[in-house]
PDB file of N, CA and C in Angstrom:
ATOM      1  N   MET A   1      15.850 -22.085 -13.109  1.00  0.00           N
ATOM      2  CA  MET A   1      16.076 -22.000 -11.674  1.00  0.00           C
ATOM      3  C   MET A   1      14.868 -21.338 -11.012  1.00  0.00           C
ATOM      4  N   VAL A   2      14.391 -21.937  -9.960  1.00  0.00           N
ATOM      5  CA  VAL A   2      13.236 -21.423  -9.246  1.00  0.00           C
ATOM      6  C   VAL A   2      13.699 -20.405  -8.207  1.00  0.00           C
ATOM      7  N   GLU A   3      13.011 -19.273  -8.198  1.00  0.00           N
ATOM      8  CA  GLU A   3      13.354 -18.208  -7.255  1.00  0.00           C
ATOM      9  C   GLU A   3      12.767 -18.524  -5.879  1.00  0.00           C
ATOM     10  N   SER A   4      13.554 -18.369  -4.826  1.00  0.00           N
ATOM     11  CA  SER A   4      13.070 -18.645  -3.476  1.00  0.00           C
ATOM     12  C   SER A   4      12.116 -17.550  -3.017  1.00  0.00           C
ATOM     13  N   ALA A   5      11.254 -17.896  -2.080  1.00  0.00           N
ATOM     14  CA  ALA A   5      10.315 -16.918  -1.525  1.00  0.00           C
ATOM     15  C   ALA A   5      11.076 -15.765  -0.883  1.00  0.00           C
ATOM     16  N   GLU A   6      12.190 -16.072  -0.229  1.00  0.00           N
ATOM     17  CA  GLU A   6      12.982 -15.021   0.415  1.00  0.00           C
ATOM     18  C   GLU A   6      13.549 -14.054  -0.623  1.00  0.00           C
ATOM     19  N   HIS A   7      14.010 -14.583  -1.743  1.00  0.00           N
ATOM     20  CA  HIS A   7      14.554 -13.727  -2.799  1.00  0.00           C
ATOM     21  C   HIS A   7      13.461 -12.843  -3.384  1.00  0.00           C
ATOM     22  N   ARG A   8      12.263 -13.411  -3.594  1.00  0.00           N
ATOM     23  CA  ARG A   8      11.128 -12.622  -4.105  1.00  0.00           C
ATOM     24  C   ARG A   8      10.785 -11.490  -3.140  1.00  0.00           C
ATOM     25  N   GLU A   9      10.775 -11.799  -1.847  1.00  0.00           N
ATOM     26  CA  GLU A   9      10.475 -10.766  -0.851  1.00  0.00           C
ATOM     27  C   GLU A   9      11.513  -9.657  -0.895  1.00  0.00           C
ATOM     28  N   GLN A  10      12.793 -10.034  -0.950  1.00  0.00           N
ATOM     29  CA  GLN A  10      13.848  -9.024  -0.976  1.00  0.00           C
ATOM     30  C   GLN A  10      13.733  -8.147  -2.212  1.00  0.00           C
ATOM     31  N   ARG A  11      13.373  -8.763  -3.347  1.00  0.00           N
ATOM     32  CA  ARG A  11      13.195  -7.993  -4.575  1.00  0.00           C
ATOM     33  C   ARG A  11      12.018  -7.032  -4.439  1.00  0.00           C
ATOM     34  N   LEU A  12      10.923  -7.499  -3.826  1.00  0.00           N
ATOM     35  CA  LEU A  12       9.759  -6.643  -3.599  1.00  0.00           C
ATOM     36  C   LEU A  12      10.114  -5.483  -2.667  1.00  0.00           C
ATOM     37  N   PHE A  13      10.803  -5.767  -1.589  1.00  0.00           N
ATOM     38  CA  PHE A  13      11.157  -4.729  -0.617  1.00  0.00           C
ATOM     39  C   PHE A  13      12.042  -3.651  -1.247  1.00  0.00           C
ATOM     40  N   GLY A  14      12.851  -4.040  -2.226  1.00  0.00           N
ATOM     41  CA  GLY A  14      13.741  -3.099  -2.899  1.00  0.00           C
ATOM     42  C   GLY A  14      13.101  -2.368  -4.071  1.00  0.00           C
ATOM     43  N   MET A  15      11.848  -2.724  -4.389  1.00  0.00           N
ATOM     44  CA  MET A  15      11.135  -2.071  -5.492  1.00  0.00           C
ATOM     45  C   MET A  15      10.827  -0.626  -5.106  1.00  0.00           C
ATOM     46  N   SER A  16      10.939   0.273  -6.061  1.00  0.00           N
ATOM     47  CA  SER A  16      10.661   1.676  -5.744  1.00  0.00           C
ATOM     48  C   SER A  16       9.155   1.911  -5.638  1.00  0.00           C
ATOM     49  N   PHE A  17       8.778   2.761  -4.704  1.00  0.00           N
ATOM     50  CA  PHE A  17       7.379   3.153  -4.579  1.00  0.00           C
ATOM     51  C   PHE A  17       6.911   3.795  -5.881  1.00  0.00           C
ATOM     52  N   ALA A  18       7.814   4.526  -6.542  1.00  0.00           N
ATOM     53  CA  ALA A  18       7.484   5.210  -7.800  1.00  0.00           C
ATOM     54  C   ALA A  18       7.073   4.232  -8.893  1.00  0.00           C
ATOM     55  N   SER A  19       7.573   3.010  -8.851  1.00  0.00           N
ATOM     56  CA  SER A  19       7.190   2.026  -9.873  1.00  0.00           C
ATOM     57  C   SER A  19       5.830   1.403  -9.563  1.00  0.00           C
ATOM     58  N   LEU A  20       5.449   1.394  -8.320  1.00  0.00           N
ATOM     59  CA  LEU A  20       4.181   0.791  -7.894  1.00  0.00           C
ATOM     60  C   LEU A  20       3.019   1.781  -7.954  1.00  0.00           C
ATOM     61  N   TYR A  21       3.285   3.021  -7.596  1.00  0.00           N
ATOM     62  CA  TYR A  21       2.227   4.037  -7.492  1.00  0.00           C
ATOM     63  C   TYR A  21       1.397   4.197  -8.771  1.00  0.00           C
ATOM     64  N   PRO A  22       2.020   4.324  -9.955  1.00  0.00           N
ATOM     65  CA  PRO A  22       1.191   4.481 -11.160  1.00  0.00           C
ATOM     66  C   PRO A  22       0.315   3.247 -11.434  1.00  0.00           C
ATOM     67  N   LEU A  23       0.776   2.076 -11.012  1.00  0.00           N
ATOM     68  CA  LEU A  23      -0.032   0.867 -11.188  1.00  0.00           C
ATOM     69  C   LEU A  23      -1.278   0.926 -10.310  1.00  0.00           C
ATOM     70  N   TYR A  24      -1.120   1.435  -9.094  1.00  0.00           N
ATOM     71  CA  TYR A  24      -2.272   1.620  -8.204  1.00  0.00           C
ATOM     72  C   TYR A  24      -3.268   2.604  -8.828  1.00  0.00           C
ATOM     73  N   VAL A  25      -2.750   3.722  -9.333  1.00  0.00           N
ATOM     74  CA  VAL A  25      -3.613   4.743  -9.930  1.00  0.00           C
ATOM     75  C   VAL A  25      -4.337   4.162 -11.147  1.00  0.00           C
ATOM     76  N   GLN A  26      -3.623   3.455 -12.006  1.00  0.00           N
ATOM     77  CA  GLN A  26      -4.249   2.836 -13.183  1.00  0.00           C
ATOM     78  C   GLN A  26      -5.349   1.862 -12.777  1.00  0.00           C
ATOM     79  N   LYS A  27      -5.083   1.085 -11.743  1.00  0.00           N
ATOM     80  CA  LYS A  27      -6.060   0.094 -11.284  1.00  0.00           C
ATOM     81  C   LYS A  27      -7.367   0.758 -10.872  1.00  0.00           C
ATOM     82  N   VAL A  28      -7.289   1.828 -10.080  1.00  0.00           N
ATOM     83  CA  VAL A  28      -8.524   2.472  -9.619  1.00  0.00           C
ATOM     84  C   VAL A  28      -9.193   3.259 -10.740  1.00  0.00           C
ATOM     85  N   GLU A  29      -8.398   3.855 -11.629  1.00  0.00           N
ATOM     86  CA  GLU A  29      -8.982   4.617 -12.745  1.00  0.00           C
ATOM     87  C   GLU A  29      -9.732   3.703 -13.712  1.00  0.00           C
ATOM     88  N   ARG A  30      -9.243   2.487 -13.923  1.00  0.00           N
ATOM     89  CA  ARG A  30      -9.942   1.523 -14.782  1.00  0.00           C
ATOM     90  C   ARG A  30     -11.332   1.202 -14.228  1.00  0.00           C
ATOM     91  N   LYS A  31     -11.482   1.342 -12.912  1.00  0.00           N
ATOM     92  CA  LYS A  31     -12.762   1.031 -12.264  1.00  0.00           C
ATOM     93  C   LYS A  31     -13.590   2.284 -11.985  1.00  0.00           C
ATOM     94  N   GLY A  32     -13.177   3.426 -12.582  1.00  0.00           N
ATOM     95  CA  GLY A  32     -13.962   4.645 -12.453  1.00  0.00           C
ATOM     96  C   GLY A  32     -13.660   5.485 -11.226  1.00  0.00           C
ATOM     97  N   HIS A  33     -12.545   5.230 -10.586  1.00  0.00           N
ATOM     98  CA  HIS A  33     -12.153   6.015  -9.411  1.00  0.00           C
ATOM     99  C   HIS A  33     -10.968   6.893  -9.786  1.00  0.00           C
ATOM    100  N   HIS A  34     -10.394   7.626  -8.815  1.00  0.00           N
ATOM    101  CA  HIS A  34      -9.350   8.580  -9.182  1.00  0.00           C
ATOM    102  C   HIS A  34      -8.163   8.566  -8.227  1.00  0.00           C
ATOM    103  N   ARG A  35      -7.105   9.195  -8.705  1.00  0.00           N
ATOM    104  CA  ARG A  35      -5.833   9.252  -7.980  1.00  0.00           C
ATOM    105  C   ARG A  35      -6.005   9.800  -6.565  1.00  0.00           C
ATOM    106  N   GLY A  36      -6.868  10.786  -6.401  1.00  0.00           N
ATOM    107  CA  GLY A  36      -7.078  11.377  -5.079  1.00  0.00           C
ATOM    108  C   GLY A  36      -7.498  10.348  -4.046  1.00  0.00           C
ATOM    109  N   GLU A  37      -8.259   9.350  -4.481  1.00  0.00           N
ATOM    110  CA  GLU A  37      -8.682   8.296  -3.558  1.00  0.00           C
ATOM    111  C   GLU A  37      -7.498   7.409  -3.154  1.00  0.00           C
ATOM    112  N   VAL A  38      -6.603   7.137  -4.108  1.00  0.00           N
ATOM    113  CA  VAL A  38      -5.385   6.386  -3.796  1.00  0.00           C
ATOM    114  C   VAL A  38      -4.561   7.174  -2.786  1.00  0.00           C
ATOM    115  N   ASP A  39      -4.378   8.466  -3.062  1.00  0.00           N
ATOM    116  CA  ASP A  39      -3.601   9.312  -2.152  1.00  0.00           C
ATOM    117  C   ASP A  39      -4.227   9.346  -0.754  1.00  0.00           C
ATOM    118  N   GLU A  40      -5.550   9.387  -0.700  1.00  0.00           N
ATOM    119  CA  GLU A  40      -6.237   9.441   0.599  1.00  0.00           C
ATOM    120  C   GLU A  40      -5.969   8.181   1.420  1.00  0.00           C
ATOM    121  N   VAL A  41      -6.055   7.003   0.800  1.00  0.00           N
ATOM    122  CA  VAL A  41      -5.824   5.780   1.571  1.00  0.00           C
ATOM    123  C   VAL A  41      -4.348   5.618   1.931  1.00  0.00           C
ATOM    124  N   LEU A  42      -3.446   6.047   1.026  1.00  0.00           N
ATOM    125  CA  LEU A  42      -2.019   5.978   1.345  1.00  0.00           C
ATOM    126  C   LEU A  42      -1.676   6.919   2.489  1.00  0.00           C
ATOM    127  N   SER A  43      -2.289   8.087   2.471  1.00  0.00           N
ATOM    128  CA  SER A  43      -2.074   9.066   3.531  1.00  0.00           C
ATOM    129  C   SER A  43      -2.595   8.540   4.869  1.00  0.00           C
ATOM    130  N   TRP A  44      -3.768   7.927   4.832  1.00  0.00           N
ATOM    131  CA  TRP A  44      -4.353   7.348   6.054  1.00  0.00           C
ATOM    132  C   TRP A  44      -3.430   6.274   6.614  1.00  0.00           C
ATOM    133  N   LEU A  45      -2.900   5.420   5.740  1.00  0.00           N
ATOM    134  CA  LEU A  45      -2.070   4.303   6.193  1.00  0.00           C
ATOM    135  C   LEU A  45      -0.712   4.763   6.714  1.00  0.00           C
ATOM    136  N   THR A  46      -0.084   5.707   6.014  1.00  0.00           N
ATOM    137  CA  THR A  46       1.327   6.033   6.283  1.00  0.00           C
ATOM    138  C   THR A  46       1.590   7.398   6.895  1.00  0.00           C
ATOM    139  N   GLY A  47       0.638   8.311   6.769  1.00  0.00           N
ATOM    140  CA  GLY A  47       0.860   9.669   7.247  1.00  0.00           C
ATOM    141  C   GLY A  47       1.520  10.581   6.229  1.00  0.00           C
ATOM    142  N   TYR A  48       1.894  10.054   5.056  1.00  0.00           N
ATOM    143  CA  TYR A  48       2.461  10.918   4.020  1.00  0.00           C
ATOM    144  C   TYR A  48       1.368  11.841   3.497  1.00  0.00           C
ATOM    145  N   ASP A  49       1.694  13.132   3.359  1.00  0.00           N
ATOM    146  CA  ASP A  49       0.770  14.050   2.702  1.00  0.00           C
ATOM    147  C   ASP A  49       1.115  14.067   1.204  1.00  0.00           C
ATOM    148  N   GLU A  50       0.419  14.887   0.445  1.00  0.00           N
ATOM    149  CA  GLU A  50       0.640  14.925  -1.006  1.00  0.00           C
ATOM    150  C   GLU A  50       2.093  15.251  -1.342  1.00  0.00           C
ATOM    151  N   ALA A  51       2.661  16.236  -0.660  1.00  0.00           N
ATOM    152  CA  ALA A  51       4.056  16.612  -0.910  1.00  0.00           C
ATOM    153  C   ALA A  51       5.006  15.468  -0.554  1.00  0.00           C
ATOM    154  N   GLY A  52       4.706  14.766   0.527  1.00  0.00           N
ATOM    155  CA  GLY A  52       5.531  13.629   0.933  1.00  0.00           C
ATOM    156  C   GLY A  52       5.495  12.502  -0.084  1.00  0.00           C
ATOM    157  N   LEU A  53       4.297  12.221  -0.606  1.00  0.00           N
ATOM    158  CA  LEU A  53       4.178  11.195  -1.644  1.00  0.00           C
ATOM    159  C   LEU A  53       4.951  11.605  -2.891  1.00  0.00           C
ATOM    160  N   GLU A  54       4.822  12.867  -3.285  1.00  0.00           N
ATOM    161  CA  GLU A  54       5.555  13.351  -4.457  1.00  0.00           C
ATOM    162  C   GLU A  54       7.063  13.237  -4.246  1.00  0.00           C
ATOM    163  N   ARG A  55       7.507  13.517  -3.033  1.00  0.00           N
ATOM    164  CA  ARG A  55       8.945  13.448  -2.728  1.00  0.00           C
ATOM    165  C   ARG A  55       9.466  12.018  -2.832  1.00  0.00           C
ATOM    166  N   VAL A  56       8.751  11.047  -2.230  1.00  0.00           N
ATOM    167  CA  VAL A  56       9.252   9.670  -2.283  1.00  0.00           C
ATOM    168  C   VAL A  56       9.200   9.115  -3.705  1.00  0.00           C
ATOM    169  N   ILE A  57       8.248   9.595  -4.506  1.00  0.00           N
ATOM    170  CA  ILE A  57       8.199   9.195  -5.912  1.00  0.00           C
ATOM    171  C   ILE A  57       9.401   9.775  -6.646  1.00  0.00           C
ATOM    172  N   ALA A  58       9.648  11.077  -6.468  1.00  0.00           N
ATOM    173  CA  ALA A  58      10.773  11.740  -7.148  1.00  0.00           C
ATOM    174  C   ALA A  58      12.118  11.168  -6.719  1.00  0.00           C
ATOM    175  N   ASP A  59      12.229  10.788  -5.443  1.00  0.00           N
ATOM    176  CA  ASP A  59      13.497  10.276  -4.917  1.00  0.00           C
ATOM    177  C   ASP A  59      13.742   8.807  -5.276  1.00  0.00           C
ATOM    178  N   GLY A  60      12.724   8.126  -5.788  1.00  0.00           N
ATOM    179  CA  GLY A  60      12.881   6.708  -6.097  1.00  0.00           C
ATOM    180  C   GLY A  60      12.991   5.842  -4.850  1.00  0.00           C
ATOM    181  N   THR A  61      12.370   6.276  -3.775  1.00  0.00           N
ATOM    182  CA  THR A  61      12.419   5.573  -2.489  1.00  0.00           C
ATOM    183  C   THR A  61      11.888   4.150  -2.637  1.00  0.00           C
ATOM    184  N   ASP A  62      12.632   3.184  -2.095  1.00  0.00           N
ATOM    185  CA  ASP A  62      12.153   1.802  -2.170  1.00  0.00           C
ATOM    186  C   ASP A  62      11.106   1.547  -1.082  1.00  0.00           C
ATOM    187  N   LEU A  63      10.415   0.415  -1.198  1.00  0.00           N
ATOM    188  CA  LEU A  63       9.318   0.137  -0.266  1.00  0.00           C
ATOM    189  C   LEU A  63       9.799  -0.011   1.173  1.00  0.00           C
ATOM    190  N   ARG A  64      10.993  -0.554   1.343  1.00  0.00           N
ATOM    191  CA  ARG A  64      11.542  -0.689   2.701  1.00  0.00           C
ATOM    192  C   ARG A  64      11.659   0.699   3.347  1.00  0.00           C
ATOM    193  N   ALA A  65      12.251   1.654   2.645  1.00  0.00           N
ATOM    194  CA  ALA A  65      12.418   3.005   3.177  1.00  0.00           C
ATOM    195  C   ALA A  65      11.080   3.749   3.236  1.00  0.00           C
ATOM    196  N   PHE A  66      10.216   3.500   2.257  1.00  0.00           N
ATOM    197  CA  PHE A  66       8.898   4.148   2.227  1.00  0.00           C
ATOM    198  C   PHE A  66       8.163   3.906   3.544  1.00  0.00           C
ATOM    199  N   PHE A  67       8.158   2.672   3.993  1.00  0.00           N
ATOM    200  CA  PHE A  67       7.461   2.372   5.244  1.00  0.00           C
ATOM    201  C   PHE A  67       8.293   2.727   6.473  1.00  0.00           C
ATOM    202  N   ALA A  68       9.597   2.529   6.422  1.00  0.00           N
ATOM    203  CA  ALA A  68      10.454   2.856   7.566  1.00  0.00           C
ATOM    204  C   ALA A  68      10.420   4.348   7.875  1.00  0.00           C
ATOM    205  N   GLU A  69      10.294   5.171   6.827  1.00  0.00           N
ATOM    206  CA  GLU A  69      10.317   6.626   6.993  1.00  0.00           C
ATOM    207  C   GLU A  69       8.914   7.239   7.000  1.00  0.00           C
ATOM    208  N   ALA A  70       7.886   6.396   7.009  1.00  0.00           N
ATOM    209  CA  ALA A  70       6.511   6.912   6.999  1.00  0.00           C
ATOM    210  C   ALA A  70       6.302   7.821   8.202  1.00  0.00           C
ATOM    211  N   PRO A  71       5.700   8.993   7.975  1.00  0.00           N
ATOM    212  CA  PRO A  71       5.509   9.946   9.069  1.00  0.00           C
ATOM    213  C   PRO A  71       4.713   9.395  10.253  1.00  0.00           C
ATOM    214  N   ALA A  72       3.684   8.582   9.974  1.00  0.00           N
ATOM    215  CA  ALA A  72       2.850   8.078  11.071  1.00  0.00           C
ATOM    216  C   ALA A  72       2.007   6.907  10.580  1.00  0.00           C
ATOM    217  N   MET A  73       2.494   5.693  10.780  1.00  0.00           N
ATOM    218  CA  MET A  73       1.682   4.534  10.404  1.00  0.00           C
ATOM    219  C   MET A  73       0.413   4.551  11.248  1.00  0.00           C
ATOM    220  N   ASN A  74      -0.703   4.338  10.599  1.00  0.00           N
ATOM    221  CA  ASN A  74      -1.990   4.408  11.281  1.00  0.00           C
ATOM    222  C   ASN A  74      -2.140   3.236  12.246  1.00  0.00           C
ATOM    223  N   PRO A  75      -2.448   3.521  13.516  1.00  0.00           N
ATOM    224  CA  PRO A  75      -2.609   2.436  14.487  1.00  0.00           C
ATOM    225  C   PRO A  75      -3.791   1.517  14.160  1.00  0.00           C
ATOM    226  N   ASN A  76      -4.729   1.993  13.346  1.00  0.00           N
ATOM    227  CA  ASN A  76      -5.870   1.167  12.961  1.00  0.00           C
ATOM    228  C   ASN A  76      -5.584   0.280  11.748  1.00  0.00           C
ATOM    229  N   ALA A  77      -4.357   0.313  11.261  1.00  0.00           N
ATOM    230  CA  ALA A  77      -4.007  -0.543  10.121  1.00  0.00           C
ATOM    231  C   ALA A  77      -4.239  -2.011  10.458  1.00  0.00           C
ATOM    232  N   SER A  78      -4.099  -2.359  11.722  1.00  0.00           N
ATOM    233  CA  SER A  78      -4.311  -3.754  12.123  1.00  0.00           C
ATOM    234  C   SER A  78      -5.763  -4.198  11.940  1.00  0.00           C
ATOM    235  N   LEU A  79      -6.666  -3.250  11.697  1.00  0.00           N
ATOM    236  CA  LEU A  79      -8.064  -3.590  11.432  1.00  0.00           C
ATOM    237  C   LEU A  79      -8.280  -4.041   9.985  1.00  0.00           C
ATOM    238  N   ILE A  80      -7.250  -3.888   9.145  1.00  0.00           N
ATOM    239  CA  ILE A  80      -7.341  -4.327   7.747  1.00  0.00           C
ATOM    240  C   ILE A  80      -7.216  -5.846   7.734  1.00  0.00           C
ATOM    241  N   THR A  81      -8.236  -6.495   7.192  1.00  0.00           N
ATOM    242  CA  THR A  81      -8.248  -7.951   7.132  1.00  0.00           C
ATOM    243  C   THR A  81      -8.668  -8.388   5.739  1.00  0.00           C
ATOM    244  N   GLY A  82      -8.499  -9.653   5.476  1.00  0.00           N
ATOM    245  CA  GLY A  82      -8.922 -10.202   4.202  1.00  0.00           C
ATOM    246  C   GLY A  82      -7.753 -10.743   3.410  1.00  0.00           C
ATOM    247  N   VAL A  83      -8.065 -11.185   2.200  1.00  0.00           N
ATOM    248  CA  VAL A  83      -7.071 -11.836   1.352  1.00  0.00           C
ATOM    249  C   VAL A  83      -6.645 -10.888   0.235  1.00  0.00           C
ATOM    250  N   ILE A  84      -5.339 -10.803   0.047  1.00  0.00           N
ATOM    251  CA  ILE A  84      -4.774 -10.057  -1.076  1.00  0.00           C
ATOM    252  C   ILE A  84      -3.554 -10.846  -1.549  1.00  0.00           C
ATOM    253  N   CYS A  85      -3.427 -11.005  -2.836  1.00  0.00           N
ATOM    254  CA  CYS A  85      -2.320 -11.780  -3.412  1.00  0.00           C
ATOM    255  C   CYS A  85      -2.240 -13.185  -2.801  1.00  0.00           C
ATOM    256  N   GLY A  86      -3.406 -13.762  -2.488  1.00  0.00           N
ATOM    257  CA  GLY A  86      -3.462 -15.111  -1.950  1.00  0.00           C
ATOM    258  C   GLY A  86      -3.072 -15.252  -0.498  1.00  0.00           C
ATOM    259  N   MET A  87      -2.895 -14.114   0.194  1.00  0.00           N
ATOM    260  CA  MET A  87      -2.487 -14.152   1.603  1.00  0.00           C
ATOM    261  C   MET A  87      -3.511 -13.420   2.460  1.00  0.00           C
ATOM    262  N   ARG A  88      -3.775 -13.961   3.638  1.00  0.00           N
ATOM    263  CA  ARG A  88      -4.608 -13.251   4.618  1.00  0.00           C
ATOM    264  C   ARG A  88      -3.697 -12.196   5.261  1.00  0.00           C
ATOM    265  N   VAL A  89      -4.025 -10.927   5.080  1.00  0.00           N
ATOM    266  CA  VAL A  89      -3.122  -9.864   5.544  1.00  0.00           C
ATOM    267  C   VAL A  89      -2.904  -9.902   7.051  1.00  0.00           C
ATOM    268  N   GLU A  90      -3.928 -10.301   7.791  1.00  0.00           N
ATOM    269  CA  GLU A  90      -3.788 -10.314   9.250  1.00  0.00           C
ATOM    270  C   GLU A  90      -2.881 -11.437   9.747  1.00  0.00           C
ATOM    271  N   GLU A  91      -2.542 -12.394   8.881  1.00  0.00           N
ATOM    272  CA  GLU A  91      -1.703 -13.528   9.280  1.00  0.00           C
ATOM    273  C   GLU A  91      -0.261 -13.412   8.788  1.00  0.00           C
ATOM    274  N   ILE A  92       0.062 -12.359   8.057  1.00  0.00           N
ATOM    275  CA  ILE A  92       1.426 -12.194   7.537  1.00  0.00           C
ATOM    276  C   ILE A  92       2.357 -11.846   8.689  1.00  0.00           C
ATOM    277  N   GLU A  93       3.409 -12.626   8.833  1.00  0.00           N
ATOM    278  CA  GLU A  93       4.310 -12.457   9.977  1.00  0.00           C
ATOM    279  C   GLU A  93       5.348 -11.362   9.788  1.00  0.00           C
ATOM    280  N   ASP A  94       5.867 -11.198   8.577  1.00  0.00           N
ATOM    281  CA  ASP A  94       6.888 -10.173   8.332  1.00  0.00           C
ATOM    282  C   ASP A  94       6.219  -8.798   8.340  1.00  0.00           C
ATOM    283  N   PRO A  95       6.634  -7.905   9.240  1.00  0.00           N
ATOM    284  CA  PRO A  95       5.967  -6.598   9.367  1.00  0.00           C
ATOM    285  C   PRO A  95       5.981  -5.771   8.074  1.00  0.00           C
ATOM    286  N   LEU A  96       7.087  -5.778   7.343  1.00  0.00           N
ATOM    287  CA  LEU A  96       7.160  -5.002   6.106  1.00  0.00           C
ATOM    288  C   LEU A  96       6.236  -5.595   5.043  1.00  0.00           C
ATOM    289  N   MET A  97       6.256  -6.912   4.903  1.00  0.00           N
ATOM    290  CA  MET A  97       5.368  -7.552   3.929  1.00  0.00           C
ATOM    291  C   MET A  97       3.909  -7.258   4.298  1.00  0.00           C
ATOM    292  N   GLN A  98       3.604  -7.271   5.572  1.00  0.00           N
ATOM    293  CA  GLN A  98       2.235  -6.981   6.003  1.00  0.00           C
ATOM    294  C   GLN A  98       1.850  -5.544   5.643  1.00  0.00           C
ATOM    295  N   GLN A  99       2.751  -4.591   5.843  1.00  0.00           N
ATOM    296  CA  GLN A  99       2.463  -3.198   5.489  1.00  0.00           C
ATOM    297  C   GLN A  99       2.234  -3.048   3.983  1.00  0.00           C
ATOM    298  N   ILE A 100       3.056  -3.732   3.183  1.00  0.00           N
ATOM    299  CA  ILE A 100       2.885  -3.677   1.730  1.00  0.00           C
ATOM    300  C   ILE A 100       1.526  -4.248   1.350  1.00  0.00           C
ATOM    301  N   ARG A 101       1.160  -5.354   1.948  1.00  0.00           N
ATOM    302  CA  ARG A 101      -0.133  -5.976   1.628  1.00  0.00           C
ATOM    303  C   ARG A 101      -1.304  -5.161   2.169  1.00  0.00           C
ATOM    304  N   TYR A 102      -1.121  -4.446   3.280  1.00  0.00           N
ATOM    305  CA  TYR A 102      -2.152  -3.501   3.739  1.00  0.00           C
ATOM    306  C   TYR A 102      -2.405  -2.475   2.636  1.00  0.00           C
ATOM    307  N   MET A 103      -1.309  -1.938   2.093  1.00  0.00           N
ATOM    308  CA  MET A 103      -1.411  -0.923   1.045  1.00  0.00           C
ATOM    309  C   MET A 103      -2.133  -1.507  -0.174  1.00  0.00           C
ATOM    310  N   ASP A 104      -1.750  -2.713  -0.576  1.00  0.00           N
ATOM    311  CA  ASP A 104      -2.415  -3.373  -1.703  1.00  0.00           C
ATOM    312  C   ASP A 104      -3.907  -3.541  -1.434  1.00  0.00           C
ATOM    313  N   LYS A 105      -4.247  -3.962  -0.224  1.00  0.00           N
ATOM    314  CA  LYS A 105      -5.640  -4.225   0.141  1.00  0.00           C
ATOM    315  C   LYS A 105      -6.463  -2.936   0.095  1.00  0.00           C
ATOM    316  N   LEU A 106      -5.922  -1.847   0.610  1.00  0.00           N
ATOM    317  CA  LEU A 106      -6.636  -0.565   0.587  1.00  0.00           C
ATOM    318  C   LEU A 106      -6.907  -0.113  -0.839  1.00  0.00           C
ATOM    319  N   VAL A 107      -5.906  -0.207  -1.696  1.00  0.00           N
ATOM    320  CA  VAL A 107      -6.078   0.197  -3.100  1.00  0.00           C
ATOM    321  C   VAL A 107      -7.108  -0.706  -3.776  1.00  0.00           C
ATOM    322  N   ASP A 108      -7.057  -1.991  -3.476  1.00  0.00           N
ATOM    323  CA  ASP A 108      -8.033  -2.931  -4.028  1.00  0.00           C
ATOM    324  C   ASP A 108      -9.453  -2.552  -3.598  1.00  0.00           C
ATOM    325  N   GLU A 109      -9.617  -2.153  -2.351  1.00  0.00           N
ATOM    326  CA  GLU A 109     -10.936  -1.756  -1.852  1.00  0.00           C
ATOM    327  C   GLU A 109     -11.431  -0.487  -2.546  1.00  0.00           C
ATOM    328  N   VAL A 110     -10.535   0.458  -2.827  1.00  0.00           N
ATOM    329  CA  VAL A 110     -10.911   1.655  -3.595  1.00  0.00           C
ATOM    330  C   VAL A 110     -11.394   1.219  -4.972  1.00  0.00           C
ATOM    331  N   ALA A 111     -10.623   0.371  -5.633  1.00  0.00           N
ATOM    332  CA  ALA A 111     -10.970  -0.072  -6.985  1.00  0.00           C
ATOM    333  C   ALA A 111     -12.313  -0.796  -7.017  1.00  0.00           C
ATOM    334  N   ARG A 112     -12.621  -1.524  -5.954  1.00  0.00           N
ATOM    335  CA  ARG A 112     -13.887  -2.252  -5.889  1.00  0.00           C
ATOM    336  C   ARG A 112     -15.073  -1.344  -5.534  1.00  0.00           C
ATOM    337  N   GLY A 113     -14.797  -0.089  -5.204  1.00  0.00           N
ATOM    338  CA  GLY A 113     -15.875   0.851  -4.932  1.00  0.00           C
ATOM    339  C   GLY A 113     -16.394   0.819  -3.507  1.00  0.00           C
ATOM    340  N   LYS A 114     -15.621   0.270  -2.598  1.00  0.00           N
ATOM    341  CA  LYS A 114     -16.020   0.254  -1.202  1.00  0.00           C
ATOM    342  C   LYS A 114     -16.080   1.691  -0.671  1.00  0.00           C
ATOM    343  N   LYS A 115     -16.982   1.959   0.242  1.00  0.00           N
ATOM    344  CA  LYS A 115     -17.111   3.313   0.806  1.00  0.00           C
ATOM    345  C   LYS A 115     -15.849   3.700   1.552  1.00  0.00           C
ATOM    346  N   MET A 116     -15.424   4.949   1.386  1.00  0.00           N
ATOM    347  CA  MET A 116     -14.181   5.422   1.990  1.00  0.00           C
ATOM    348  C   MET A 116     -14.215   5.287   3.519  1.00  0.00           C
ATOM    349  N   THR A 117     -15.364   5.539   4.146  1.00  0.00           N
ATOM    350  CA  THR A 117     -15.426   5.403   5.612  1.00  0.00           C
ATOM    351  C   THR A 117     -15.129   3.961   6.031  1.00  0.00           C
ATOM    352  N   SER A 118     -15.544   3.017   5.228  1.00  0.00           N
ATOM    353  CA  SER A 118     -15.272   1.612   5.512  1.00  0.00           C
ATOM    354  C   SER A 118     -13.805   1.285   5.245  1.00  0.00           C
ATOM    355  N   ILE A 119     -13.269   1.788   4.144  1.00  0.00           N
ATOM    356  CA  ILE A 119     -11.863   1.543   3.796  1.00  0.00           C
ATOM    357  C   ILE A 119     -10.949   2.083   4.881  1.00  0.00           C
ATOM    358  N   LEU A 120     -11.277   3.256   5.391  1.00  0.00           N
ATOM    359  CA  LEU A 120     -10.439   3.915   6.400  1.00  0.00           C
ATOM    360  C   LEU A 120     -10.766   3.456   7.820  1.00  0.00           C
ATOM    361  N   ARG A 121     -11.537   2.395   7.902  1.00  0.00           N
ATOM    362  CA  ARG A 121     -11.872   1.775   9.188  1.00  0.00           C
ATOM    363  C   ARG A 121     -12.391   2.797  10.186  1.00  0.00           C
ATOM    364  N   SER A 122     -13.322   3.657   9.715  1.00  0.00           N
ATOM    365  CA  SER A 122     -13.928   4.678  10.565  1.00  0.00           C
ATOM    366  C   SER A 122     -15.130   4.115  11.298  1.00  0.00           C
ATOM    367  N   ALA A 123     -15.397   4.695  12.441  1.00  0.00           N
ATOM    368  CA  ALA A 123     -16.553   4.247  13.238  1.00  0.00           C
ATOM    369  C   ALA A 123     -17.847   4.676  12.563  1.00  0.00           C
TER     370      ALA A 123
END
C-alpha cells in the first residue's frame, strides 16, 4: 500500500523534536562542525534558548507543538530560499511544513560550512 503525501506529512508533524535533533547534530559533526552551531541556528529561527531546547527534547515535544510554541519565530525566516528534500522552501504552501524545511535548510547550510552571518541572513 502506498502512503499518501498527506499521511506522510501528518506523520512528520507528529515526530518528536527529540528524535530529529540528534540527527541534525550528527550531520554537522560529520562535516567538522558542532552542536553549538545547530543550537545557534535553531535559536535564530525559533527563539528557543538552550534551556528551551533542552526542555522540548526532554518533554518529547512533537514538531507541530515545537513550532506552535516557539518563543519568537524569526521574521527573516522568509529570506531562507533554496531546495531541501527536493522542495523549494520558499514555495511550500503549508506553513508548518515550510518551518520544518527552513530548519532542515539551516542545518544543511551549517553542515556545508556556510558562514554563520550568511546562514542567519545578516546584513
